[in-house]
Amino acid sequence: MSEQKDPKPSPGAGDGWRVLSYLIGGVLVYGGIGFGLDRLLGTQFLVLVGIVLGAGLTILMLHFRYGSRS
């Protein structure tokens, strides 16, 4: 029989830095996409939408990756 491995990684020393880098990266990437769309479309609100969307999606991804262990 094969062993079932837990797909979620165990906590380690670098997890805090990894989570912080994911949050910063998500905000920068989606904020940058929003900034680019703002410049292209002549609007002024998509950068804020991109930042909020980036933070939300990153938190959701982190929840699935490091969330509760059952």
C-alpha atoms as a PDB file:
ATOM      1  CA  MET A   1       0.000   0.000   0.000  1.00  0.00           C
ATOM      2  CA  SER A   2       1.204   3.502  -0.708  1.00  0.00           C
ATOM      3  CA  GLU A   3       1.258   6.111   2.004  1.00  0.00           C
ATOM      4  CA  GLN A   4      -0.941   9.164   1.685  1.00  0.00           C
ATOM      5  CA  LYS A   5       1.154  12.305   2.070  1.00  0.00           C
ATOM      6  CA  ASP A   6      -0.234  15.559   3.383  1.00  0.00           C
ATOM      7  CA  PRO A   7      -0.253  17.953   0.394  1.00  0.00           C
ATOM      8  CA  LYS A   8       0.168  20.958   2.669  1.00  0.00           C
ATOM      9  CA  PRO A   9       3.776  21.707   3.581  1.00  0.00           C
ATOM     10  CA  SER A  10       4.823  21.551   7.204  1.00  0.00           C
ATOM     11  CA  PRO A  11       5.684  24.871   8.826  1.00  0.00           C
ATOM     12  CA  GLY A  12       9.309  25.831   8.509  1.00  0.00           C
ATOM     13  CA  ALA A  13      11.676  28.664   9.252  1.00  0.00           C
ATOM     14  CA  GLY A  14      11.154  30.451   5.923  1.00  0.00           C
ATOM     15  CA  ASP A  15       7.367  30.340   5.826  1.00  0.00           C
ATOM     16  CA  GLY A  16       6.901  33.867   7.158  1.00  0.00           C
ATOM     17  CA  TRP A  17       9.142  35.321   4.483  1.00  0.00           C
ATOM     18  CA  ARG A  18       7.456  33.185   1.833  1.00  0.00           C
ATOM     19  CA  VAL A  19       3.982  34.389   2.854  1.00  0.00           C
ATOM     20  CA  LEU A  20       5.169  38.010   2.915  1.00  0.00           C
ATOM     21  CA  SER A  21       6.728  37.683  -0.532  1.00  0.00           C
ATOM     22  CA  TYR A  22       3.523  36.132  -1.915  1.00  0.00           C
ATOM     23  CA  LEU A  23       1.470  39.032  -0.518  1.00  0.00           C
ATOM     24  CA  ILE A  24       3.820  41.686  -1.869  1.00  0.00           C
ATOM     25  CA  GLY A  25       4.110  39.922  -5.217  1.00  0.00           C
ATOM     26  CA  GLY A  26       0.351  39.507  -5.615  1.00  0.00           C
ATOM     27  CA  VAL A  27      -0.313  43.160  -4.838  1.00  0.00           C
ATOM     28  CA  LEU A  28       2.463  44.328  -7.187  1.00  0.00           C
ATOM     29  CA  VAL A  29       1.454  42.085 -10.088  1.00  0.00           C
ATOM     30  CA  TYR A  30      -2.271  42.768  -9.976  1.00  0.00           C
ATOM     31  CA  GLY A  31      -1.720  46.421  -9.080  1.00  0.00           C
ATOM     32  CA  GLY A  32       0.611  46.694 -12.074  1.00  0.00           C
ATOM     33  CA  ILE A  33      -2.012  45.115 -14.325  1.00  0.00           C
ATOM     34  CA  GLY A  34      -4.563  47.593 -12.984  1.00  0.00           C
ATOM     35  CA  PHE A  35      -2.133  50.467 -13.527  1.00  0.00           C
ATOM     36  CA  GLY A  36      -1.537  49.381 -17.104  1.00  0.00           C
ATOM     37  CA  LEU A  37      -5.261  49.105 -17.764  1.00  0.00           C
ATOM     38  CA  ASP A  38      -5.783  52.535 -16.186  1.00  0.00           C
ATOM     39  CA  ARG A  39      -3.235  54.054 -18.559  1.00  0.00           C
ATOM     40  CA  LEU A  40      -4.690  52.202 -21.538  1.00  0.00           C
ATOM     41  CA  LEU A  41      -8.339  52.988 -20.804  1.00  0.00           C
ATOM     42  CA  GLY A  42      -7.869  56.443 -19.259  1.00  0.00           C
ATOM     43  CA  THR A  43      -9.494  55.506 -15.950  1.00  0.00           C
ATOM     44  CA  GLN A  44      -8.284  56.067 -12.390  1.00  0.00           C
ATOM     45  CA  PHE A  45      -9.784  53.226 -10.353  1.00  0.00           C
ATOM     46  CA  LEU A  46      -8.431  49.985 -11.810  1.00  0.00           C
ATOM     47  CA  VAL A  47      -5.134  50.211  -9.945  1.00  0.00           C
ATOM     48  CA  LEU A  48      -7.074  50.107  -6.663  1.00  0.00           C
ATOM     49  CA  VAL A  49      -9.187  47.209  -7.949  1.00  0.00           C
ATOM     50  CA  GLY A  50      -5.995  45.397  -8.958  1.00  0.00           C
ATOM     51  CA  ILE A  51      -4.375  45.900  -5.555  1.00  0.00           C
ATOM     52  CA  VAL A  52      -7.446  44.677  -3.670  1.00  0.00           C
ATOM     53  CA  LEU A  53      -7.931  41.763  -6.070  1.00  0.00           C
ATOM     54  CA  GLY A  54      -4.254  40.818  -5.802  1.00  0.00           C
ATOM     55  CA  ALA A  55      -4.335  40.862  -2.010  1.00  0.00           C
ATOM     56  CA  GLY A  56      -7.582  38.883  -1.898  1.00  0.00           C
ATOM     57  CA  LEU A  57      -6.459  36.217  -4.344  1.00  0.00           C
ATOM     58  CA  THR A  58      -3.125  35.889  -2.561  1.00  0.00           C
ATOM     59  CA  ILE A  59      -4.810  35.444   0.813  1.00  0.00           C
ATOM     60  CA  LEU A  60      -7.119  32.839  -0.724  1.00  0.00           C
ATOM     61  CA  MET A  61      -4.147  30.993  -2.240  1.00  0.00           C
ATOM     62  CA  LEU A  62      -2.302  31.105   1.082  1.00  0.00           C
ATOM     63  CA  HIS A  63      -5.371  29.754   2.871  1.00  0.00           C
ATOM     64  CA  PHE A  64      -5.507  26.763   0.546  1.00  0.00           C
ATOM     65  CA  ARG A  65      -1.761  26.221   0.796  1.00  0.00           C
ATOM     66  CA  TYR A  66      -1.178  26.778   4.522  1.00  0.00           C
ATOM     67  CA  GLY A  67      -4.748  26.641   5.863  1.00  0.00           C
ATOM     68  CA  SER A  68      -6.182  24.298   8.437  1.00  0.00           C
ATOM     69  CA  ARG A  69      -4.713  20.836   8.565  1.00  0.00           C
ATOM     70  CA  SER A  70      -7.368  18.170   8.928  1.00  0.00           C
END
